[in-house]
Amino acid sequence: MKEKTIDYILRATWISVSKMYHEEAKKKGSTMATGFTLISIDPDTGTPSTSLGPKMGVEATSLSRILKTMEEKGLIVRKPNPDDGRSVLVHLTPFGKEMREFSKGIVLRFDEVVKEVISEQDLNTFKKVANSIMDITQNKNIYATNKTS
């Protein structure tokens, strides 16, 4: 293919961003997945473990591994949910809150630099296009066998 596909552009861009996040996380002995999870946990009230997977777009088995590792590193503790005895709340430890702030800072700095380099109009167009692509992939059966024209 001479022209780069939308898929290629999305994938190559995300790989580049992901690599950058991994390199920054590695400086603190962490990973991008851990940072993303830390940012997804409410620092004050904790977050039900069952809502983390869907919130992050991560499969339950992957999330279980991430949470286990985070617990072993002292970033989180799991406590019974006082409102629902069947579920567990994931709470940040003081170290987890510290690492959450580090992760949040990395994301916000990336945002700042992008906003410095790319015009507000172009960013708005990018967001509109990205949301449209997300809608297409989530709400439509792109590869349906019974297409009608």
C-alpha atoms as a PDB file:
ATOM      1  CA  MET A   1       0.000   0.000   0.000  1.00  0.00           C
ATOM      2  CA  LYS A   2       1.321   3.405  -0.957  1.00  0.00           C
ATOM      3  CA  GLU A   3      -1.054   5.400   1.229  1.00  0.00           C
ATOM      4  CA  LYS A   4      -1.046   4.796   4.965  1.00  0.00           C
ATOM      5  CA  THR A   5      -4.353   3.405   6.202  1.00  0.00           C
ATOM      6  CA  ILE A   6      -6.307   4.964   9.058  1.00  0.00           C
ATOM      7  CA  ASP A   7      -5.567   1.823  11.061  1.00  0.00           C
ATOM      8  CA  TYR A   8      -1.821   2.234  10.472  1.00  0.00           C
ATOM      9  CA  ILE A   9      -1.853   5.889  11.541  1.00  0.00           C
ATOM     10  CA  LEU A  10      -3.860   5.133  14.688  1.00  0.00           C
ATOM     11  CA  ARG A  11      -1.723   2.142  15.606  1.00  0.00           C
ATOM     12  CA  ALA A  12       1.645   3.802  14.923  1.00  0.00           C
ATOM     13  CA  THR A  13       0.613   6.913  16.851  1.00  0.00           C
ATOM     14  CA  TRP A  14      -0.598   4.921  19.850  1.00  0.00           C
ATOM     15  CA  ILE A  15       2.562   2.780  19.850  1.00  0.00           C
ATOM     16  CA  SER A  16       4.641   5.963  19.923  1.00  0.00           C
ATOM     17  CA  VAL A  17       2.624   7.471  22.785  1.00  0.00           C
ATOM     18  CA  SER A  18       2.626   4.160  24.634  1.00  0.00           C
ATOM     19  CA  LYS A  19       6.405   3.826  24.286  1.00  0.00           C
ATOM     20  CA  MET A  20       6.843   7.352  25.656  1.00  0.00           C
ATOM     21  CA  TYR A  21       4.615   6.544  28.667  1.00  0.00           C
ATOM     22  CA  HIS A  22       6.448   3.260  29.285  1.00  0.00           C
ATOM     23  CA  GLU A  23       9.802   5.048  29.299  1.00  0.00           C
ATOM     24  CA  GLU A  24       8.553   7.612  31.819  1.00  0.00           C
ATOM     25  CA  ALA A  25       6.916   4.984  34.039  1.00  0.00           C
ATOM     26  CA  LYS A  26      10.094   2.903  33.970  1.00  0.00           C
ATOM     27  CA  LYS A  27      11.971   5.794  35.614  1.00  0.00           C
ATOM     28  CA  LYS A  28       9.891   5.116  38.742  1.00  0.00           C
ATOM     29  CA  GLY A  29       9.949   1.323  38.421  1.00  0.00           C
ATOM     30  CA  SER A  30       6.402   1.254  37.107  1.00  0.00           C
ATOM     31  CA  THR A  31       4.520   0.509  33.905  1.00  0.00           C
ATOM     32  CA  MET A  32       2.052   2.367  31.730  1.00  0.00           C
ATOM     33  CA  ALA A  33      -0.704  -0.088  32.718  1.00  0.00           C
ATOM     34  CA  THR A  34      -0.061   0.590  36.398  1.00  0.00           C
ATOM     35  CA  GLY A  35      -0.107   4.350  35.812  1.00  0.00           C
ATOM     36  CA  PHE A  36      -3.352   4.135  33.881  1.00  0.00           C
ATOM     37  CA  THR A  37      -4.899   2.053  36.647  1.00  0.00           C
ATOM     38  CA  LEU A  38      -3.721   4.479  39.341  1.00  0.00           C
ATOM     39  CA  ILE A  39      -5.320   7.376  37.467  1.00  0.00           C
ATOM     40  CA  SER A  40      -8.568   5.394  37.152  1.00  0.00           C
ATOM     41  CA  ILE A  41      -8.912   4.826  40.914  1.00  0.00           C
ATOM     42  CA  ASP A  42     -10.705   7.504  42.940  1.00  0.00           C
ATOM     43  CA  PRO A  43      -8.039   8.757  45.368  1.00  0.00           C
ATOM     44  CA  ASP A  44     -10.552   9.655  48.094  1.00  0.00           C
ATOM     45  CA  THR A  45     -13.249   6.973  48.096  1.00  0.00           C
ATOM     46  CA  GLY A  46     -11.646   4.120  46.189  1.00  0.00           C
ATOM     47  CA  THR A  47     -13.217   2.425  43.185  1.00  0.00           C
ATOM     48  CA  PRO A  48     -15.161  -0.843  42.906  1.00  0.00           C
ATOM     49  CA  SER A  49     -12.887  -3.384  41.254  1.00  0.00           C
ATOM     50  CA  THR A  50     -15.765  -4.452  38.990  1.00  0.00           C
ATOM     51  CA  SER A  51     -16.033  -0.969  37.473  1.00  0.00           C
ATOM     52  CA  LEU A  52     -12.299  -0.568  36.779  1.00  0.00           C
ATOM     53  CA  GLY A  53     -12.142  -2.992  33.840  1.00  0.00           C
ATOM     54  CA  PRO A  54     -14.939  -1.384  31.817  1.00  0.00           C
ATOM     55  CA  LYS A  55     -13.740   2.113  32.767  1.00  0.00           C
ATOM     56  CA  MET A  56     -10.268   1.309  31.439  1.00  0.00           C
ATOM     57  CA  GLY A  57     -11.303  -0.950  28.560  1.00  0.00           C
ATOM     58  CA  VAL A  58      -9.303  -3.821  30.053  1.00  0.00           C
ATOM     59  CA  GLU A  59     -10.296  -7.487  30.275  1.00  0.00           C
ATOM     60  CA  ALA A  60     -10.935  -8.887  33.753  1.00  0.00           C
ATOM     61  CA  THR A  61      -7.989 -11.305  33.620  1.00  0.00           C
ATOM     62  CA  SER A  62      -5.544  -8.549  32.648  1.00  0.00           C
ATOM     63  CA  LEU A  63      -6.940  -6.256  35.322  1.00  0.00           C
ATOM     64  CA  SER A  64      -6.590  -9.003  37.951  1.00  0.00           C
ATOM     65  CA  ARG A  65      -2.892  -9.366  37.116  1.00  0.00           C
ATOM     66  CA  ILE A  66      -2.357  -5.596  37.221  1.00  0.00           C
ATOM     67  CA  LEU A  67      -4.153  -5.261  40.576  1.00  0.00           C
ATOM     68  CA  LYS A  68      -2.231  -8.192  42.063  1.00  0.00           C
ATOM     69  CA  THR A  69       1.079  -6.612  41.060  1.00  0.00           C
ATOM     70  CA  MET A  70      -0.028  -3.217  42.378  1.00  0.00           C
ATOM     71  CA  GLU A  71      -1.024  -4.795  45.687  1.00  0.00           C
ATOM     72  CA  GLU A  72       2.356  -6.549  45.941  1.00  0.00           C
ATOM     73  CA  LYS A  73       4.127  -3.219  45.321  1.00  0.00           C
ATOM     74  CA  GLY A  74       2.091  -1.519  48.039  1.00  0.00           C
ATOM     75  CA  LEU A  75       0.216   0.820  45.697  1.00  0.00           C
ATOM     76  CA  ILE A  76      -3.298  -0.374  46.558  1.00  0.00           C
ATOM     77  CA  VAL A  77      -5.310  -2.216  49.166  1.00  0.00           C
ATOM     78  CA  ARG A  78      -8.572  -4.019  48.584  1.00  0.00           C
ATOM     79  CA  LYS A  79     -11.336  -3.541  51.135  1.00  0.00           C
ATOM     80  CA  PRO A  80     -14.893  -4.876  51.302  1.00  0.00           C
ATOM     81  CA  ASN A  81     -17.428  -2.428  49.895  1.00  0.00           C
ATOM     82  CA  PRO A  82     -19.489  -1.161  52.861  1.00  0.00           C
ATOM     83  CA  ASP A  83     -22.473  -0.571  50.550  1.00  0.00           C
ATOM     84  CA  ASP A  84     -22.316  -3.996  48.892  1.00  0.00           C
ATOM     85  CA  GLY A  85     -20.740  -6.886  50.762  1.00  0.00           C
ATOM     86  CA  ARG A  86     -20.296  -8.839  47.537  1.00  0.00           C
ATOM     87  CA  SER A  87     -17.892  -6.347  45.959  1.00  0.00           C
ATOM     88  CA  VAL A  88     -14.466  -4.969  46.763  1.00  0.00           C
ATOM     89  CA  LEU A  89     -13.238  -1.379  46.698  1.00  0.00           C
ATOM     90  CA  VAL A  90      -9.717  -0.694  45.504  1.00  0.00           C
ATOM     91  CA  HIS A  91      -8.084   2.060  47.571  1.00  0.00           C
ATOM     92  CA  LEU A  92      -4.786   3.807  46.986  1.00  0.00           C
ATOM     93  CA  THR A  93      -2.146   3.622  49.682  1.00  0.00           C
ATOM     94  CA  PRO A  94      -0.113   6.763  50.425  1.00  0.00           C
ATOM     95  CA  PHE A  95       2.536   5.389  48.030  1.00  0.00           C
ATOM     96  CA  GLY A  96      -0.220   4.705  45.477  1.00  0.00           C
ATOM     97  CA  LYS A  97      -1.425   8.311  45.765  1.00  0.00           C
ATOM     98  CA  GLU A  98       2.134   9.538  45.259  1.00  0.00           C
ATOM     99  CA  MET A  99       2.541   7.380  42.163  1.00  0.00           C
ATOM    100  CA  ARG A 100      -0.909   8.465  40.940  1.00  0.00           C
ATOM    101  CA  GLU A 101       0.226  12.089  41.060  1.00  0.00           C
ATOM    102  CA  PHE A 102       3.387  11.154  39.147  1.00  0.00           C
ATOM    103  CA  SER A 103       1.331   9.360  36.472  1.00  0.00           C
ATOM    104  CA  LYS A 104      -1.187  12.172  36.270  1.00  0.00           C
ATOM    105  CA  GLY A 105       1.663  14.663  35.841  1.00  0.00           C
ATOM    106  CA  ILE A 106       3.075  12.667  32.921  1.00  0.00           C
ATOM    107  CA  VAL A 107      -0.312  12.645  31.158  1.00  0.00           C
ATOM    108  CA  LEU A 108      -0.949  16.344  31.810  1.00  0.00           C
ATOM    109  CA  ARG A 109       2.539  17.301  30.575  1.00  0.00           C
ATOM    110  CA  PHE A 110       1.954  15.370  27.348  1.00  0.00           C
ATOM    111  CA  ASP A 111      -1.364  17.221  26.976  1.00  0.00           C
ATOM    112  CA  GLU A 112       0.370  20.594  27.503  1.00  0.00           C
ATOM    113  CA  VAL A 113       3.051  19.915  24.903  1.00  0.00           C
ATOM    114  CA  VAL A 114       0.515  18.725  22.327  1.00  0.00           C
ATOM    115  CA  LYS A 115      -1.569  21.873  22.938  1.00  0.00           C
ATOM    116  CA  GLU A 116       1.544  24.033  22.519  1.00  0.00           C
ATOM    117  CA  VAL A 117       2.336  22.479  19.145  1.00  0.00           C
ATOM    118  CA  ILE A 118      -1.106  21.811  17.633  1.00  0.00           C
ATOM    119  CA  SER A 119      -3.725  24.513  17.130  1.00  0.00           C
ATOM    120  CA  GLU A 120      -6.976  24.404  19.083  1.00  0.00           C
ATOM    121  CA  GLN A 121      -8.885  24.077  15.817  1.00  0.00           C
ATOM    122  CA  ASP A 122      -6.817  21.084  14.714  1.00  0.00           C
ATOM    123  CA  LEU A 123      -7.193  19.464  18.146  1.00  0.00           C
ATOM    124  CA  ASN A 124     -10.962  19.937  18.003  1.00  0.00           C
ATOM    125  CA  THR A 125     -11.008  18.322  14.554  1.00  0.00           C
ATOM    126  CA  PHE A 126      -8.837  15.468  15.857  1.00  0.00           C
ATOM    127  CA  LYS A 127     -11.189  14.888  18.808  1.00  0.00           C
ATOM    128  CA  LYS A 128     -14.217  14.937  16.528  1.00  0.00           C
ATOM    129  CA  VAL A 129     -12.631  12.429  14.128  1.00  0.00           C
ATOM    130  CA  ALA A 130     -11.386  10.190  16.963  1.00  0.00           C
ATOM    131  CA  ASN A 131     -14.845  10.157  18.563  1.00  0.00           C
ATOM    132  CA  SER A 132     -16.429   9.324  15.211  1.00  0.00           C
ATOM    133  CA  ILE A 133     -14.013   6.430  14.703  1.00  0.00           C
ATOM    134  CA  MET A 134     -14.773   5.195  18.217  1.00  0.00           C
ATOM    135  CA  ASP A 135     -18.515   5.372  17.478  1.00  0.00           C
ATOM    136  CA  ILE A 136     -18.036   3.457  14.232  1.00  0.00           C
ATOM    137  CA  THR A 137     -16.075   0.682  15.937  1.00  0.00           C
ATOM    138  CA  GLN A 138     -18.318   0.433  19.001  1.00  0.00           C
ATOM    139  CA  ASN A 139     -21.797   0.934  17.577  1.00  0.00           C
ATOM    140  CA  LYS A 140     -21.759  -0.554  14.119  1.00  0.00           C
ATOM    141  CA  ASN A 141     -21.167  -4.001  12.802  1.00  0.00           C
ATOM    142  CA  ILE A 142     -18.468  -3.094  10.272  1.00  0.00           C
ATOM    143  CA  TYR A 143     -17.925  -6.633   9.098  1.00  0.00           C
ATOM    144  CA  ALA A 144     -21.527  -7.826   8.937  1.00  0.00           C
ATOM    145  CA  THR A 145     -22.010 -10.518   6.325  1.00  0.00           C
ATOM    146  CA  ASN A 146     -25.522  -9.318   5.369  1.00  0.00           C
ATOM    147  CA  LYS A 147     -24.797  -5.788   4.191  1.00  0.00           C
ATOM    148  CA  THR A 148     -27.504  -3.840   2.444  1.00  0.00           C
ATOM    149  CA  SER A 149     -26.624  -0.919   0.215  1.00  0.00           C
END
